Amino acid sequence: MNGGFMSVTKNESPRHSALRALWVSLSDNREKNAAPEILETAVRAFDESGYERASIQPIAELAGTSKSLVTYYFPTKQTLASAVINLAYPGADAIGAC
């Protein structure tokens, strides 16, 4: 089979299986660690462009990820903005609920 490093073969060696598991683990961790980078990028975008002009796609591109991963963590621009506000002002949700 000529599919590259991550191709599945019938006779995969234990070493190859371990390498595959490590690669998948590193890939998963990279995605799990995307939220802080997305938030940092969103802070800059909202600061520079304001809420109305900022959008998810450019934030994703600047964060080095996909729009779908951004919306996985933050389904809407409003939820992303709320997370940014909560980052800057912990407990802001409690104030808004009054």
N, C-alpha and C. Protein backbone atom coordinates (compact mmCIF):
# COMPACT_ATOMS: atom_id res chain seq x y z
N MET A 1 0.85 -1.17 0.00
CA MET A 1 0.00 0.00 0.00
C MET A 1 0.90 1.23 0.00
N ASN A 2 0.62 2.22 -0.82
CA ASN A 2 1.48 3.38 -0.96
C ASN A 2 0.74 4.64 -0.54
N GLY A 3 0.28 4.69 0.70
CA GLY A 3 -0.48 5.84 1.17
C GLY A 3 0.27 6.72 2.14
N GLY A 4 1.57 6.50 2.33
CA GLY A 4 2.32 7.34 3.24
C GLY A 4 2.41 6.74 4.64
N PHE A 5 2.94 7.53 5.54
CA PHE A 5 3.23 7.09 6.90
C PHE A 5 2.01 6.55 7.62
N MET A 6 0.86 7.18 7.47
CA MET A 6 -0.30 6.79 8.27
C MET A 6 -1.19 5.77 7.59
N SER A 7 -0.74 5.15 6.51
CA SER A 7 -1.53 4.14 5.83
C SER A 7 -1.66 2.89 6.69
N VAL A 8 -2.82 2.30 6.66
CA VAL A 8 -3.07 1.07 7.41
C VAL A 8 -2.68 -0.11 6.53
N THR A 9 -1.92 -1.03 7.08
CA THR A 9 -1.57 -2.24 6.35
C THR A 9 -2.05 -3.44 7.16
N LYS A 10 -2.24 -4.55 6.46
CA LYS A 10 -2.70 -5.76 7.15
C LYS A 10 -1.66 -6.26 8.15
N ASN A 11 -0.40 -6.15 7.80
CA ASN A 11 0.68 -6.68 8.63
C ASN A 11 1.40 -5.57 9.36
N GLU A 12 0.68 -4.67 9.96
CA GLU A 12 1.28 -3.55 10.67
C GLU A 12 2.07 -4.05 11.88
N SER A 13 3.30 -3.59 11.99
CA SER A 13 4.16 -4.02 13.09
C SER A 13 3.72 -3.33 14.39
N PRO A 14 4.09 -3.90 15.53
CA PRO A 14 3.78 -3.25 16.80
C PRO A 14 4.40 -1.85 16.88
N ARG A 15 5.60 -1.68 16.32
CA ARG A 15 6.25 -0.37 16.33
C ARG A 15 5.43 0.63 15.51
N HIS A 16 4.96 0.18 14.34
CA HIS A 16 4.14 1.06 13.50
C HIS A 16 2.84 1.42 14.22
N SER A 17 2.24 0.46 14.90
CA SER A 17 1.02 0.73 15.67
C SER A 17 1.28 1.76 16.76
N ALA A 18 2.43 1.64 17.44
CA ALA A 18 2.77 2.60 18.49
C ALA A 18 2.99 3.98 17.90
N LEU A 19 3.67 4.06 16.75
CA LEU A 19 3.88 5.35 16.09
C LEU A 19 2.55 5.97 15.67
N ARG A 20 1.65 5.14 15.16
CA ARG A 20 0.33 5.63 14.76
C ARG A 20 -0.41 6.19 15.98
N ALA A 21 -0.37 5.47 17.10
CA ALA A 21 -1.05 5.93 18.31
C ALA A 21 -0.45 7.25 18.80
N LEU A 22 0.87 7.37 18.74
CA LEU A 22 1.53 8.61 19.15
C LEU A 22 1.11 9.76 18.24
N TRP A 23 1.11 9.51 16.94
CA TRP A 23 0.73 10.56 15.98
C TRP A 23 -0.71 11.02 16.22
N VAL A 24 -1.62 10.08 16.43
CA VAL A 24 -3.02 10.42 16.70
C VAL A 24 -3.12 11.20 18.00
N SER A 25 -2.38 10.78 19.02
CA SER A 25 -2.40 11.48 20.30
C SER A 25 -1.90 12.91 20.15
N LEU A 26 -0.81 13.11 19.43
CA LEU A 26 -0.28 14.46 19.21
C LEU A 26 -1.28 15.30 18.43
N SER A 27 -1.93 14.71 17.43
CA SER A 27 -2.93 15.44 16.65
C SER A 27 -4.10 15.86 17.54
N ASP A 28 -4.56 14.94 18.39
CA ASP A 28 -5.66 15.26 19.30
C ASP A 28 -5.27 16.37 20.25
N ASN A 29 -4.06 16.31 20.80
CA ASN A 29 -3.61 17.35 21.73
C ASN A 29 -3.50 18.70 21.05
N ARG A 30 -3.06 18.72 19.80
CA ARG A 30 -2.94 19.97 19.08
C ARG A 30 -4.33 20.61 18.95
N GLU A 31 -5.35 19.80 18.64
CA GLU A 31 -6.70 20.33 18.54
C GLU A 31 -7.24 20.74 19.90
N LYS A 32 -6.94 19.98 20.95
CA LYS A 32 -7.40 20.32 22.29
C LYS A 32 -6.79 21.63 22.76
N ASN A 33 -5.59 21.92 22.31
CA ASN A 33 -4.91 23.14 22.72
C ASN A 33 -5.24 24.31 21.81
N ALA A 34 -6.15 24.14 20.88
CA ALA A 34 -6.48 25.21 19.94
C ALA A 34 -7.31 26.32 20.59
N ALA A 35 -8.10 26.00 21.59
CA ALA A 35 -8.99 27.01 22.19
C ALA A 35 -8.23 28.22 22.73
N PRO A 36 -7.12 28.06 23.47
CA PRO A 36 -6.41 29.25 23.94
C PRO A 36 -5.89 30.12 22.79
N GLU A 37 -5.38 29.49 21.75
CA GLU A 37 -4.88 30.24 20.59
C GLU A 37 -6.03 30.97 19.88
N ILE A 38 -7.16 30.32 19.79
CA ILE A 38 -8.34 30.94 19.18
C ILE A 38 -8.76 32.16 20.01
N LEU A 39 -8.78 32.00 21.32
CA LEU A 39 -9.17 33.12 22.19
C LEU A 39 -8.19 34.29 22.07
N GLU A 40 -6.89 33.99 22.06
CA GLU A 40 -5.90 35.06 21.92
C GLU A 40 -6.08 35.81 20.60
N THR A 41 -6.33 35.06 19.55
CA THR A 41 -6.53 35.67 18.24
C THR A 41 -7.82 36.47 18.22
N ALA A 42 -8.86 35.97 18.86
CA ALA A 42 -10.14 36.68 18.90
C ALA A 42 -10.01 37.99 19.68
N VAL A 43 -9.23 37.99 20.75
CA VAL A 43 -9.00 39.23 21.51
C VAL A 43 -8.42 40.29 20.58
N ARG A 44 -7.40 39.90 19.81
CA ARG A 44 -6.78 40.86 18.88
C ARG A 44 -7.78 41.31 17.81
N ALA A 45 -8.54 40.36 17.26
CA ALA A 45 -9.49 40.70 16.20
C ALA A 45 -10.58 41.65 16.69
N PHE A 46 -11.14 41.37 17.86
CA PHE A 46 -12.18 42.25 18.40
C PHE A 46 -11.61 43.61 18.77
N ASP A 47 -10.37 43.63 19.26
CA ASP A 47 -9.73 44.88 19.62
C ASP A 47 -9.46 45.73 18.37
N GLU A 48 -8.97 45.11 17.32
CA GLU A 48 -8.60 45.83 16.11
C GLU A 48 -9.80 46.18 15.24
N SER A 49 -10.78 45.27 15.13
CA SER A 49 -11.88 45.47 14.20
C SER A 49 -13.21 45.81 14.85
N GLY A 50 -13.32 45.53 16.14
CA GLY A 50 -14.61 45.67 16.81
C GLY A 50 -15.46 44.43 16.58
N TYR A 51 -16.50 44.29 17.38
CA TYR A 51 -17.35 43.10 17.31
C TYR A 51 -18.02 42.97 15.95
N GLU A 52 -18.61 44.06 15.45
CA GLU A 52 -19.38 44.00 14.21
C GLU A 52 -18.53 43.58 13.01
N ARG A 53 -17.30 44.08 12.92
CA ARG A 53 -16.47 43.81 11.75
C ARG A 53 -15.65 42.53 11.85
N ALA A 54 -15.44 42.04 13.04
CA ALA A 54 -14.68 40.79 13.20
C ALA A 54 -15.53 39.62 12.74
N SER A 55 -14.88 38.61 12.18
CA SER A 55 -15.63 37.42 11.78
C SER A 55 -14.81 36.16 12.05
N ILE A 56 -15.50 35.05 12.11
CA ILE A 56 -14.91 33.78 12.52
C ILE A 56 -13.83 33.29 11.53
N GLN A 57 -14.09 33.39 10.24
CA GLN A 57 -13.13 32.85 9.26
C GLN A 57 -11.74 33.49 9.39
N PRO A 58 -11.62 34.83 9.40
CA PRO A 58 -10.29 35.41 9.57
C PRO A 58 -9.65 35.07 10.92
N ILE A 59 -10.46 34.97 11.96
CA ILE A 59 -9.94 34.57 13.27
C ILE A 59 -9.34 33.17 13.18
N ALA A 60 -10.06 32.26 12.53
CA ALA A 60 -9.56 30.89 12.35
C ALA A 60 -8.25 30.88 11.58
N GLU A 61 -8.19 31.64 10.49
CA GLU A 61 -6.98 31.68 9.68
C GLU A 61 -5.80 32.23 10.48
N LEU A 62 -6.02 33.30 11.22
CA LEU A 62 -4.93 33.88 12.02
C LEU A 62 -4.50 32.95 13.16
N ALA A 63 -5.43 32.16 13.66
CA ALA A 63 -5.12 31.21 14.73
C ALA A 63 -4.46 29.94 14.18
N GLY A 64 -4.43 29.83 12.85
CA GLY A 64 -3.82 28.66 12.24
C GLY A 64 -4.66 27.41 12.34
N THR A 65 -5.98 27.59 12.31
CA THR A 65 -6.87 26.44 12.41
C THR A 65 -8.02 26.62 11.42
N SER A 66 -8.98 25.73 11.48
CA SER A 66 -10.11 25.80 10.56
C SER A 66 -11.31 26.49 11.22
N LYS A 67 -12.18 27.01 10.38
CA LYS A 67 -13.40 27.63 10.89
C LYS A 67 -14.24 26.60 11.65
N SER A 68 -14.24 25.36 11.16
CA SER A 68 -15.04 24.33 11.83
C SER A 68 -14.53 24.04 13.24
N LEU A 69 -13.20 24.11 13.45
CA LEU A 69 -12.68 23.89 14.80
C LEU A 69 -13.03 25.07 15.70
N VAL A 70 -12.98 26.29 15.17
CA VAL A 70 -13.38 27.45 15.96
C VAL A 70 -14.84 27.30 16.38
N THR A 71 -15.71 26.94 15.44
CA THR A 71 -17.13 26.81 15.79
C THR A 71 -17.42 25.57 16.62
N TYR A 72 -16.50 24.62 16.67
CA TYR A 72 -16.63 23.49 17.59
C TYR A 72 -16.55 24.00 19.02
N TYR A 73 -15.57 24.86 19.28
CA TYR A 73 -15.40 25.43 20.62
C TYR A 73 -16.36 26.57 20.89
N PHE A 74 -16.60 27.40 19.89
CA PHE A 74 -17.42 28.61 20.03
C PHE A 74 -18.41 28.65 18.87
N PRO A 75 -19.61 28.10 19.05
CA PRO A 75 -20.56 27.93 17.94
C PRO A 75 -20.95 29.22 17.21
N THR A 76 -20.91 30.34 17.89
CA THR A 76 -21.27 31.60 17.25
C THR A 76 -20.25 32.67 17.61
N LYS A 77 -20.28 33.76 16.87
CA LYS A 77 -19.39 34.88 17.18
C LYS A 77 -19.74 35.43 18.56
N GLN A 78 -21.00 35.38 18.92
CA GLN A 78 -21.42 35.87 20.23
C GLN A 78 -20.82 35.03 21.35
N THR A 79 -20.80 33.71 21.20
CA THR A 79 -20.20 32.86 22.24
C THR A 79 -18.69 33.08 22.32
N LEU A 80 -18.07 33.33 21.17
CA LEU A 80 -16.63 33.64 21.17
C LEU A 80 -16.38 34.97 21.88
N ALA A 81 -17.19 35.97 21.58
CA ALA A 81 -17.04 37.27 22.23
C ALA A 81 -17.29 37.16 23.74
N SER A 82 -18.26 36.36 24.13
CA SER A 82 -18.53 36.15 25.56
C SER A 82 -17.33 35.51 26.25
N ALA A 83 -16.70 34.55 25.58
CA ALA A 83 -15.52 33.91 26.15
C ALA A 83 -14.38 34.90 26.30
N VAL A 84 -14.22 35.79 25.31
CA VAL A 84 -13.19 36.82 25.38
C VAL A 84 -13.47 37.75 26.55
N ILE A 85 -14.72 38.16 26.72
CA ILE A 85 -15.09 39.05 27.83
C ILE A 85 -14.85 38.36 29.16
N ASN A 86 -15.21 37.09 29.26
CA ASN A 86 -14.99 36.34 30.50
C ASN A 86 -13.51 36.16 30.79
N LEU A 87 -12.70 36.09 29.75
CA LEU A 87 -11.26 35.99 29.93
C LEU A 87 -10.72 37.29 30.51
N ALA A 88 -11.20 38.41 29.98
CA ALA A 88 -10.74 39.72 30.45
C ALA A 88 -11.35 40.11 31.78
N TYR A 89 -12.60 39.73 31.99
CA TYR A 89 -13.34 40.10 33.20
C TYR A 89 -13.98 38.86 33.81
N PRO A 90 -13.23 38.05 34.54
CA PRO A 90 -13.80 36.85 35.15
C PRO A 90 -15.02 37.22 36.00
N GLY A 91 -16.07 36.45 35.86
CA GLY A 91 -17.28 36.72 36.60
C GLY A 91 -18.23 37.68 35.90
N ALA A 92 -17.90 38.06 34.67
CA ALA A 92 -18.75 39.00 33.94
C ALA A 92 -20.15 38.43 33.70
N ASP A 93 -20.27 37.09 33.55
CA ASP A 93 -21.59 36.49 33.37
C ASP A 93 -22.48 36.75 34.58
N ALA A 94 -21.90 36.69 35.77
CA ALA A 94 -22.68 36.94 36.98
C ALA A 94 -23.20 38.36 37.03
N ILE A 95 -22.40 39.29 36.52
CA ILE A 95 -22.82 40.70 36.50
C ILE A 95 -23.96 40.87 35.51
N GLY A 96 -23.85 40.25 34.33
CA GLY A 96 -24.89 40.37 33.32
C GLY A 96 -26.20 39.72 33.71
N ALA A 97 -26.16 38.77 34.63
CA ALA A 97 -27.36 38.04 35.03
C ALA A 97 -28.21 38.84 36.01
N CYS A 98 -27.68 39.91 36.57
CA CYS A 98 -28.41 40.70 37.57
C CYS A 98 -29.55 41.48 36.95
